[in-house]
Amino acid sequence: MLVESAFITREFKEEQIPILEGVTCLSIVNTGNTIAIINGIIIYPTQKQILIPPDGTFSKVKLEVNYVTSKSTFDAKLVKRIINMKERNRILIIYKKLI
């Protein structure tokens, strides 16, 4: 059986992330300047995190994204740093999908 797949790279702003189907591996890069919390995993600005390693399986993925802003109750040092910048909530999703 021949299975085709493709790497897809998409950037999302704020909380407009869809449900992804047929995903075989998934990485997230925080391209904004606020802290992103994705499915309970904290991802700092410019940090890359692998959420689904390429293990030969595929699945349907629902991502829940929250951003730490200057209004959030979080570490005071982080909030002070974020207040000094214009807040941008963006993440880059890189995933391999069955087509």
PDB file of N, CA and C in Angstrom:
ATOM      1  N   MET A   1       0.840  -1.170   0.000  1.00  0.00           N
ATOM      2  CA  MET A   1       0.000   0.000   0.000  1.00  0.00           C
ATOM      3  C   MET A   1       0.891   1.241   0.000  1.00  0.00           C
ATOM      4  N   LEU A   2       0.601   2.176  -0.870  1.00  0.00           N
ATOM      5  CA  LEU A   2       1.362   3.416  -0.973  1.00  0.00           C
ATOM      6  C   LEU A   2       0.607   4.531  -0.254  1.00  0.00           C
ATOM      7  N   VAL A   3       1.281   5.179   0.670  1.00  0.00           N
ATOM      8  CA  VAL A   3       0.685   6.287   1.407  1.00  0.00           C
ATOM      9  C   VAL A   3       1.486   7.534   1.098  1.00  0.00           C
ATOM     10  N   GLU A   4       0.799   8.592   0.705  1.00  0.00           N
ATOM     11  CA  GLU A   4       1.479   9.850   0.414  1.00  0.00           C
ATOM     12  C   GLU A   4       1.278  10.817   1.572  1.00  0.00           C
ATOM     13  N   SER A   5       2.297  11.625   1.805  1.00  0.00           N
ATOM     14  CA  SER A   5       2.221  12.630   2.854  1.00  0.00           C
ATOM     15  C   SER A   5       2.934  13.889   2.386  1.00  0.00           C
ATOM     16  N   ALA A   6       2.692  14.978   3.094  1.00  0.00           N
ATOM     17  CA  ALA A   6       3.313  16.254   2.743  1.00  0.00           C
ATOM     18  C   ALA A   6       3.565  17.054   4.012  1.00  0.00           C
ATOM     19  N   PHE A   7       4.657  17.833   4.010  1.00  0.00           N
ATOM     20  CA  PHE A   7       4.903  18.756   5.111  1.00  0.00           C
ATOM     21  C   PHE A   7       4.122  20.027   4.846  1.00  0.00           C
ATOM     22  N   ILE A   8       3.466  20.531   5.864  1.00  0.00           N
ATOM     23  CA  ILE A   8       2.680  21.754   5.760  1.00  0.00           C
ATOM     24  C   ILE A   8       3.171  22.713   6.834  1.00  0.00           C
ATOM     25  N   THR A   9       3.375  23.964   6.441  1.00  0.00           N
ATOM     26  CA  THR A   9       3.801  25.001   7.381  1.00  0.00           C
ATOM     27  C   THR A   9       2.772  26.122   7.329  1.00  0.00           C
ATOM     28  N   ARG A  10       2.185  26.443   8.477  1.00  0.00           N
ATOM     29  CA  ARG A  10       1.182  27.512   8.532  1.00  0.00           C
ATOM     30  C   ARG A  10       1.392  28.341   9.784  1.00  0.00           C
ATOM     31  N   GLU A  11       1.215  29.644   9.635  1.00  0.00           N
ATOM     32  CA  GLU A  11       1.320  30.534  10.789  1.00  0.00           C
ATOM     33  C   GLU A  11      -0.081  30.954  11.206  1.00  0.00           C
ATOM     34  N   PHE A  12      -0.307  30.928  12.507  1.00  0.00           N
ATOM     35  CA  PHE A  12      -1.607  31.296  13.046  1.00  0.00           C
ATOM     36  C   PHE A  12      -1.444  32.442  14.027  1.00  0.00           C
ATOM     37  N   LYS A  13      -2.376  33.383  13.961  1.00  0.00           N
ATOM     38  CA  LYS A  13      -2.392  34.513  14.883  1.00  0.00           C
ATOM     39  C   LYS A  13      -3.548  34.317  15.856  1.00  0.00           C
ATOM     40  N   GLU A  14      -3.328  34.751  17.063  1.00  0.00           N
ATOM     41  CA  GLU A  14      -4.332  34.646  18.129  1.00  0.00           C
ATOM     42  C   GLU A  14      -4.767  33.199  18.312  1.00  0.00           C
ATOM     43  N   GLU A  15      -6.053  32.941  18.305  1.00  0.00           N
ATOM     44  CA  GLU A  15      -6.537  31.594  18.607  1.00  0.00           C
ATOM     45  C   GLU A  15      -7.346  31.013  17.460  1.00  0.00           C
ATOM     46  N   GLN A  16      -6.864  31.131  16.241  1.00  0.00           N
ATOM     47  CA  GLN A  16      -7.584  30.651  15.070  1.00  0.00           C
ATOM     48  C   GLN A  16      -7.060  29.308  14.566  1.00  0.00           C
ATOM     49  N   ILE A  17      -6.718  28.400  15.462  1.00  0.00           N
ATOM     50  CA  ILE A  17      -6.102  27.137  15.077  1.00  0.00           C
ATOM     51  C   ILE A  17      -7.178  26.081  14.829  1.00  0.00           C
ATOM     52  N   PRO A  18      -7.148  25.458  13.660  1.00  0.00           N
ATOM     53  CA  PRO A  18      -8.154  24.432  13.344  1.00  0.00           C
ATOM     54  C   PRO A  18      -7.796  23.081  13.956  1.00  0.00           C
ATOM     55  N   ILE A  19      -8.692  22.136  13.781  1.00  0.00           N
ATOM     56  CA  ILE A  19      -8.413  20.746  14.143  1.00  0.00           C
ATOM     57  C   ILE A  19      -7.679  20.130  12.954  1.00  0.00           C
ATOM     58  N   LEU A  20      -6.560  19.476  13.212  1.00  0.00           N
ATOM     59  CA  LEU A  20      -5.729  18.892  12.160  1.00  0.00           C
ATOM     60  C   LEU A  20      -5.983  17.387  12.105  1.00  0.00           C
ATOM     61  N   GLU A  21      -6.157  16.840  10.902  1.00  0.00           N
ATOM     62  CA  GLU A  21      -6.415  15.409  10.762  1.00  0.00           C
ATOM     63  C   GLU A  21      -5.333  14.744   9.927  1.00  0.00           C
ATOM     64  N   GLY A  22      -5.062  13.481  10.207  1.00  0.00           N
ATOM     65  CA  GLY A  22      -4.065  12.724   9.467  1.00  0.00           C
ATOM     66  C   GLY A  22      -2.645  13.174   9.742  1.00  0.00           C
ATOM     67  N   VAL A  23      -2.387  13.691  10.941  1.00  0.00           N
ATOM     68  CA  VAL A  23      -1.076  14.235  11.295  1.00  0.00           C
ATOM     69  C   VAL A  23      -0.144  13.105  11.725  1.00  0.00           C
ATOM     70  N   THR A  24       1.051  13.062  11.126  1.00  0.00           N
ATOM     71  CA  THR A  24       2.031  12.035  11.491  1.00  0.00           C
ATOM     72  C   THR A  24       3.152  12.584  12.362  1.00  0.00           C
ATOM     73  N   CYS A  25       3.417  13.891  12.296  1.00  0.00           N
ATOM     74  CA  CYS A  25       4.356  14.544  13.219  1.00  0.00           C
ATOM     75  C   CYS A  25       3.979  16.019  13.284  1.00  0.00           C
ATOM     76  N   LEU A  26       4.298  16.662  14.413  1.00  0.00           N
ATOM     77  CA  LEU A  26       3.863  18.042  14.641  1.00  0.00           C
ATOM     78  C   LEU A  26       4.878  18.791  15.484  1.00  0.00           C
ATOM     79  N   SER A  27       5.305  19.957  14.984  1.00  0.00           N
ATOM     80  CA  SER A  27       6.197  20.853  15.732  1.00  0.00           C
ATOM     81  C   SER A  27       5.561  22.231  15.788  1.00  0.00           C
ATOM     82  N   ILE A  28       5.834  22.949  16.857  1.00  0.00           N
ATOM     83  CA  ILE A  28       5.325  24.306  17.036  1.00  0.00           C
ATOM     84  C   ILE A  28       6.510  25.229  17.266  1.00  0.00           C
ATOM     85  N   VAL A  29       6.521  26.386  16.587  1.00  0.00           N
ATOM     86  CA  VAL A  29       7.518  27.418  16.816  1.00  0.00           C
ATOM     87  C   VAL A  29       6.754  28.667  17.250  1.00  0.00           C
ATOM     88  N   ASN A  30       7.120  29.238  18.371  1.00  0.00           N
ATOM     89  CA  ASN A  30       6.481  30.465  18.845  1.00  0.00           C
ATOM     90  C   ASN A  30       7.147  31.636  18.130  1.00  0.00           C
ATOM     91  N   THR A  31       6.481  32.193  17.118  1.00  0.00           N
ATOM     92  CA  THR A  31       7.029  33.312  16.340  1.00  0.00           C
ATOM     93  C   THR A  31       6.577  34.660  16.877  1.00  0.00           C
ATOM     94  N   GLY A  32       5.764  34.664  17.897  1.00  0.00           N
ATOM     95  CA  GLY A  32       5.327  35.914  18.512  1.00  0.00           C
ATOM     96  C   GLY A  32       6.293  36.332  19.602  1.00  0.00           C
ATOM     97  N   ASN A  33       5.892  37.326  20.372  1.00  0.00           N
ATOM     98  CA  ASN A  33       6.750  37.752  21.477  1.00  0.00           C
ATOM     99  C   ASN A  33       6.067  37.594  22.828  1.00  0.00           C
ATOM    100  N   THR A  34       5.009  36.787  22.871  1.00  0.00           N
ATOM    101  CA  THR A  34       4.383  36.438  24.135  1.00  0.00           C
ATOM    102  C   THR A  34       4.549  34.935  24.355  1.00  0.00           C
ATOM    103  N   ILE A  35       4.350  34.494  25.560  1.00  0.00           N
ATOM    104  CA  ILE A  35       4.480  33.077  25.890  1.00  0.00           C
ATOM    105  C   ILE A  35       3.196  32.364  25.471  1.00  0.00           C
ATOM    106  N   ALA A  36       3.334  31.259  24.746  1.00  0.00           N
ATOM    107  CA  ALA A  36       2.187  30.458  24.314  1.00  0.00           C
ATOM    108  C   ALA A  36       2.118  29.193  25.162  1.00  0.00           C
ATOM    109  N   ILE A  37       0.923  28.845  25.565  1.00  0.00           N
ATOM    110  CA  ILE A  37       0.699  27.592  26.281  1.00  0.00           C
ATOM    111  C   ILE A  37      -0.194  26.751  25.381  1.00  0.00           C
ATOM    112  N   ILE A  38       0.376  25.678  24.824  1.00  0.00           N
ATOM    113  CA  ILE A  38      -0.331  24.831  23.864  1.00  0.00           C
ATOM    114  C   ILE A  38      -0.514  23.451  24.468  1.00  0.00           C
ATOM    115  N   ASN A  39      -1.765  23.082  24.671  1.00  0.00           N
ATOM    116  CA  ASN A  39      -2.111  21.801  25.299  1.00  0.00           C
ATOM    117  C   ASN A  39      -1.317  21.592  26.593  1.00  0.00           C
ATOM    118  N   GLY A  40      -1.166  22.650  27.366  1.00  0.00           N
ATOM    119  CA  GLY A  40      -0.493  22.573  28.655  1.00  0.00           C
ATOM    120  C   GLY A  40       1.020  22.679  28.608  1.00  0.00           C
ATOM    121  N   ILE A  41       1.615  22.822  27.418  1.00  0.00           N
ATOM    122  CA  ILE A  41       3.068  22.932  27.280  1.00  0.00           C
ATOM    123  C   ILE A  41       3.428  24.392  27.047  1.00  0.00           C
ATOM    124  N   ILE A  42       4.324  24.931  27.865  1.00  0.00           N
ATOM    125  CA  ILE A  42       4.744  26.325  27.748  1.00  0.00           C
ATOM    126  C   ILE A  42       5.816  26.439  26.670  1.00  0.00           C
ATOM    127  N   ILE A  43       5.583  27.353  25.714  1.00  0.00           N
ATOM    128  CA  ILE A  43       6.536  27.589  24.631  1.00  0.00           C
ATOM    129  C   ILE A  43       6.871  29.075  24.623  1.00  0.00           C
ATOM    130  N   TYR A  44       8.129  29.383  24.893  1.00  0.00           N
ATOM    131  CA  TYR A  44       8.585  30.765  24.964  1.00  0.00           C
ATOM    132  C   TYR A  44       8.841  31.325  23.562  1.00  0.00           C
ATOM    133  N   PRO A  45       8.887  32.653  23.430  1.00  0.00           N
ATOM    134  CA  PRO A  45       9.171  33.249  22.113  1.00  0.00           C
ATOM    135  C   PRO A  45      10.457  32.687  21.505  1.00  0.00           C
ATOM    136  N   THR A  46      10.424  32.392  20.230  1.00  0.00           N
ATOM    137  CA  THR A  46      11.486  31.810  19.400  1.00  0.00           C
ATOM    138  C   THR A  46      11.802  30.342  19.733  1.00  0.00           C
ATOM    139  N   GLN A  47      11.124  29.763  20.685  1.00  0.00           N
ATOM    140  CA  GLN A  47      11.366  28.366  21.042  1.00  0.00           C
ATOM    141  C   GLN A  47      10.592  27.434  20.108  1.00  0.00           C
ATOM    142  N   LYS A  48      11.194  26.281  19.789  1.00  0.00           N
ATOM    143  CA  LYS A  48      10.542  25.243  18.986  1.00  0.00           C
ATOM    144  C   LYS A  48      10.282  24.052  19.892  1.00  0.00           C
ATOM    145  N   GLN A  49       9.108  23.465  19.739  1.00  0.00           N
ATOM    146  CA  GLN A  49       8.736  22.322  20.561  1.00  0.00           C
ATOM    147  C   GLN A  49       8.096  21.253  19.674  1.00  0.00           C
ATOM    148  N   ILE A  50       8.550  20.012  19.798  1.00  0.00           N
ATOM    149  CA  ILE A  50       7.949  18.901  19.073  1.00  0.00           C
ATOM    150  C   ILE A  50       6.824  18.345  19.950  1.00  0.00           C
ATOM    151  N   LEU A  51       5.599  18.369  19.424  1.00  0.00           N
ATOM    152  CA  LEU A  51       4.466  17.845  20.182  1.00  0.00           C
ATOM    153  C   LEU A  51       4.157  16.394  19.808  1.00  0.00           C
ATOM    154  N   ILE A  52       4.342  16.048  18.535  1.00  0.00           N
ATOM    155  CA  ILE A  52       4.137  14.670  18.086  1.00  0.00           C
ATOM    156  C   ILE A  52       5.377  14.247  17.311  1.00  0.00           C
ATOM    157  N   PRO A  53       6.171  13.342  17.862  1.00  0.00           N
ATOM    158  CA  PRO A  53       7.368  12.890  17.137  1.00  0.00           C
ATOM    159  C   PRO A  53       6.967  11.989  15.968  1.00  0.00           C
ATOM    160  N   PRO A  54       7.801  11.929  14.917  1.00  0.00           N
ATOM    161  CA  PRO A  54       7.490  11.072  13.770  1.00  0.00           C
ATOM    162  C   PRO A  54       7.696   9.594  14.121  1.00  0.00           C
ATOM    163  N   ASP A  55       6.609   8.933  14.504  1.00  0.00           N
ATOM    164  CA  ASP A  55       6.718   7.543  14.950  1.00  0.00           C
ATOM    165  C   ASP A  55       5.967   6.559  14.048  1.00  0.00           C
ATOM    166  N   GLY A  56       5.482   7.034  12.888  1.00  0.00           N
ATOM    167  CA  GLY A  56       4.806   6.143  11.953  1.00  0.00           C
ATOM    168  C   GLY A  56       3.303   6.052  12.138  1.00  0.00           C
ATOM    169  N   THR A  57       2.760   6.691  13.151  1.00  0.00           N
ATOM    170  CA  THR A  57       1.312   6.680  13.351  1.00  0.00           C
ATOM    171  C   THR A  57       0.716   7.984  12.829  1.00  0.00           C
ATOM    172  N   PHE A  58      -0.596   8.046  12.731  1.00  0.00           N
ATOM    173  CA  PHE A  58      -1.250   9.296  12.361  1.00  0.00           C
ATOM    174  C   PHE A  58      -2.477   9.486  13.239  1.00  0.00           C
ATOM    175  N   SER A  59      -2.856  10.735  13.434  1.00  0.00           N
ATOM    176  CA  SER A  59      -3.967  11.011  14.327  1.00  0.00           C
ATOM    177  C   SER A  59      -4.639  12.338  14.011  1.00  0.00           C
ATOM    178  N   LYS A  60      -5.757  12.549  14.680  1.00  0.00           N
ATOM    179  CA  LYS A  60      -6.482  13.817  14.633  1.00  0.00           C
ATOM    180  C   LYS A  60      -6.014  14.620  15.838  1.00  0.00           C
ATOM    181  N   VAL A  61      -5.680  15.897  15.615  1.00  0.00           N
ATOM    182  CA  VAL A  61      -5.099  16.705  16.687  1.00  0.00           C
ATOM    183  C   VAL A  61      -5.931  17.960  16.899  1.00  0.00           C
ATOM    184  N   LYS A  62      -6.300  18.198  18.151  1.00  0.00           N
ATOM    185  CA  LYS A  62      -6.980  19.436  18.519  1.00  0.00           C
ATOM    186  C   LYS A  62      -6.038  20.197  19.442  1.00  0.00           C
ATOM    187  N   LEU A  63      -5.646  21.391  19.024  1.00  0.00           N
ATOM    188  CA  LEU A  63      -4.740  22.199  19.827  1.00  0.00           C
ATOM    189  C   LEU A  63      -5.515  23.261  20.587  1.00  0.00           C
ATOM    190  N   GLU A  64      -5.208  23.382  21.868  1.00  0.00           N
ATOM    191  CA  GLU A  64      -5.774  24.449  22.691  1.00  0.00           C
ATOM    192  C   GLU A  64      -4.643  25.414  22.985  1.00  0.00           C
ATOM    193  N   VAL A  65      -4.815  26.665  22.594  1.00  0.00           N
ATOM    194  CA  VAL A  65      -3.756  27.655  22.719  1.00  0.00           C
ATOM    195  C   VAL A  65      -4.204  28.792  23.619  1.00  0.00           C
ATOM    196  N   ASN A  66      -3.342  29.132  24.562  1.00  0.00           N
ATOM    197  CA  ASN A  66      -3.531  30.302  25.417  1.00  0.00           C
ATOM    198  C   ASN A  66      -2.243  31.095  25.376  1.00  0.00           C
ATOM    199  N   TYR A  67      -2.357  32.397  25.496  1.00  0.00           N
ATOM    200  CA  TYR A  67      -1.181  33.258  25.494  1.00  0.00           C
ATOM    201  C   TYR A  67      -1.088  33.994  26.815  1.00  0.00           C
ATOM    202  N   VAL A  68       0.132  34.134  27.316  1.00  0.00           N
ATOM    203  CA  VAL A  68       0.375  34.895  28.532  1.00  0.00           C
ATOM    204  C   VAL A  68       0.588  36.334  28.104  1.00  0.00           C
ATOM    205  N   THR A  69      -0.273  37.206  28.552  1.00  0.00           N
ATOM    206  CA  THR A  69      -0.155  38.623  28.215  1.00  0.00           C
ATOM    207  C   THR A  69       0.148  39.408  29.475  1.00  0.00           C
ATOM    208  N   SER A  70       0.341  40.695  29.324  1.00  0.00           N
ATOM    209  CA  SER A  70       0.657  41.525  30.484  1.00  0.00           C
ATOM    210  C   SER A  70      -0.498  41.550  31.488  1.00  0.00           C
ATOM    211  N   LYS A  71      -1.682  41.158  31.058  1.00  0.00           N
ATOM    212  CA  LYS A  71      -2.832  41.116  31.963  1.00  0.00           C
ATOM    213  C   LYS A  71      -2.911  39.800  32.722  1.00  0.00           C
ATOM    214  N   SER A  72      -2.154  38.798  32.278  1.00  0.00           N
ATOM    215  CA  SER A  72      -2.197  37.478  32.901  1.00  0.00           C
ATOM    216  C   SER A  72      -1.477  37.485  34.239  1.00  0.00           C
ATOM    217  N   THR A  73      -1.853  36.561  35.088  1.00  0.00           N
ATOM    218  CA  THR A  73      -1.145  36.396  36.352  1.00  0.00           C
ATOM    219  C   THR A  73      -0.082  35.334  36.136  1.00  0.00           C
ATOM    220  N   PHE A  74       1.146  35.768  35.978  1.00  0.00           N
ATOM    221  CA  PHE A  74       2.267  34.877  35.693  1.00  0.00           C
ATOM    222  C   PHE A  74       3.472  35.465  36.384  1.00  0.00           C
ATOM    223  N   ASP A  75       4.624  34.904  36.197  1.00  0.00           N
ATOM    224  CA  ASP A  75       5.852  35.382  36.801  1.00  0.00           C
ATOM    225  C   ASP A  75       6.045  36.884  36.525  1.00  0.00           C
ATOM    226  N   ALA A  76       6.271  37.660  37.551  1.00  0.00           N
ATOM    227  CA  ALA A  76       6.380  39.118  37.418  1.00  0.00           C
ATOM    228  C   ALA A  76       7.495  39.542  36.468  1.00  0.00           C
ATOM    229  N   LYS A  77       8.614  38.808  36.442  1.00  0.00           N
ATOM    230  CA  LYS A  77       9.710  39.144  35.539  1.00  0.00           C
ATOM    231  C   LYS A  77       9.280  39.004  34.081  1.00  0.00           C
ATOM    232  N   LEU A  78       8.542  37.941  33.795  1.00  0.00           N
ATOM    233  CA  LEU A  78       8.087  37.717  32.421  1.00  0.00           C
ATOM    234  C   LEU A  78       7.072  38.776  32.009  1.00  0.00           C
ATOM    235  N   VAL A  79       6.154  39.093  32.909  1.00  0.00           N
ATOM    236  CA  VAL A  79       5.130  40.092  32.598  1.00  0.00           C
ATOM    237  C   VAL A  79       5.780  41.447  32.360  1.00  0.00           C
ATOM    238  N   LYS A  80       6.766  41.817  33.158  1.00  0.00           N
ATOM    239  CA  LYS A  80       7.451  43.097  32.979  1.00  0.00           C
ATOM    240  C   LYS A  80       8.121  43.160  31.606  1.00  0.00           C
ATOM    241  N   ARG A  81       8.748  42.070  31.174  1.00  0.00           N
ATOM    242  CA  ARG A  81       9.399  42.025  29.868  1.00  0.00           C
ATOM    243  C   ARG A  81       8.374  42.161  28.749  1.00  0.00           C
ATOM    244  N   ILE A  82       7.232  41.501  28.896  1.00  0.00           N
ATOM    245  CA  ILE A  82       6.202  41.537  27.878  1.00  0.00           C
ATOM    246  C   ILE A  82       5.555  42.923  27.793  1.00  0.00           C
ATOM    247  N   ILE A  83       5.375  43.601  28.908  1.00  0.00           N
ATOM    248  CA  ILE A  83       4.763  44.935  28.906  1.00  0.00           C
ATOM    249  C   ILE A  83       5.594  45.900  28.076  1.00  0.00           C
ATOM    250  N   ASN A  84       6.912  45.757  28.097  1.00  0.00           N
ATOM    251  CA  ASN A  84       7.788  46.664  27.373  1.00  0.00           C
ATOM    252  C   ASN A  84       7.748  46.464  25.856  1.00  0.00           C
ATOM    253  N   MET A  85       7.175  45.383  25.367  1.00  0.00           N
ATOM    254  CA  MET A  85       7.082  45.114  23.936  1.00  0.00           C
ATOM    255  C   MET A  85       5.617  45.188  23.503  1.00  0.00           C
ATOM    256  N   LYS A  86       5.421  45.411  22.224  1.00  0.00           N
ATOM    257  CA  LYS A  86       4.066  45.298  21.693  1.00  0.00           C
ATOM    258  C   LYS A  86       3.747  43.806  21.618  1.00  0.00           C
ATOM    259  N   GLU A  87       2.651  43.410  22.213  1.00  0.00           N
ATOM    260  CA  GLU A  87       2.324  41.988  22.300  1.00  0.00           C
ATOM    261  C   GLU A  87       1.846  41.460  20.948  1.00  0.00           C
ATOM    262  N   ARG A  88       2.452  40.359  20.533  1.00  0.00           N
ATOM    263  CA  ARG A  88       2.043  39.669  19.307  1.00  0.00           C
ATOM    264  C   ARG A  88       1.879  38.204  19.638  1.00  0.00           C
ATOM    265  N   ASN A  89       0.708  37.687  19.356  1.00  0.00           N
ATOM    266  CA  ASN A  89       0.422  36.278  19.607  1.00  0.00           C
ATOM    267  C   ASN A  89       0.431  35.537  18.278  1.00  0.00           C
ATOM    268  N   ARG A  90       1.519  34.815  18.016  1.00  0.00           N
ATOM    269  CA  ARG A  90       1.632  34.059  16.770  1.00  0.00           C
ATOM    270  C   ARG A  90       2.408  32.774  17.011  1.00  0.00           C
ATOM    271  N   ILE A  91       1.976  31.719  16.353  1.00  0.00           N
ATOM    272  CA  ILE A  91       2.741  30.476  16.375  1.00  0.00           C
ATOM    273  C   ILE A  91       2.800  29.918  14.959  1.00  0.00           C
ATOM    274  N   LEU A  92       3.863  29.200  14.688  1.00  0.00           N
ATOM    275  CA  LEU A  92       4.062  28.543  13.402  1.00  0.00           C
ATOM    276  C   LEU A  92       3.899  27.049  13.646  1.00  0.00           C
ATOM    277  N   ILE A  93       3.003  26.422  12.887  1.00  0.00           N
ATOM    278  CA  ILE A  93       2.770  24.990  13.022  1.00  0.00           C
ATOM    279  C   ILE A  93       3.394  24.298  11.821  1.00  0.00           C
ATOM    280  N   ILE A  94       4.261  23.341  12.097  1.00  0.00           N
ATOM    281  CA  ILE A  94       4.898  22.558  11.038  1.00  0.00           C
ATOM    282  C   ILE A  94       4.477  21.111  11.269  1.00  0.00           C
ATOM    283  N   TYR A  95       3.762  20.545  10.297  1.00  0.00           N
ATOM    284  CA  TYR A  95       3.316  19.177  10.490  1.00  0.00           C
ATOM    285  C   TYR A  95       3.340  18.396   9.185  1.00  0.00           C
ATOM    286  N   LYS A  96       3.423  17.099   9.339  1.00  0.00           N
ATOM    287  CA  LYS A  96       3.389  16.199   8.196  1.00  0.00           C
ATOM    288  C   LYS A  96       2.018  15.533   8.213  1.00  0.00           C
ATOM    289  N   LYS A  97       1.374  15.537   7.064  1.00  0.00           N
ATOM    290  CA  LYS A  97      -0.003  15.067   6.986  1.00  0.00           C
ATOM    291  C   LYS A  97      -0.150  14.055   5.863  1.00  0.00           C
ATOM    292  N   LEU A  98      -0.990  13.062   6.086  1.00  0.00           N
ATOM    293  CA  LEU A  98      -1.327  12.110   5.030  1.00  0.00           C
ATOM    294  C   LEU A  98      -2.217  12.814   4.011  1.00  0.00           C
ATOM    295  N   ILE A  99      -1.937  12.606   2.740  1.00  0.00           N
ATOM    296  CA  ILE A  99      -2.780  13.222   1.700  1.00  0.00           C
ATOM    297  C   ILE A  99      -3.386  12.170   0.797  1.00  0.00           C
TER     298      ILE A  99
END
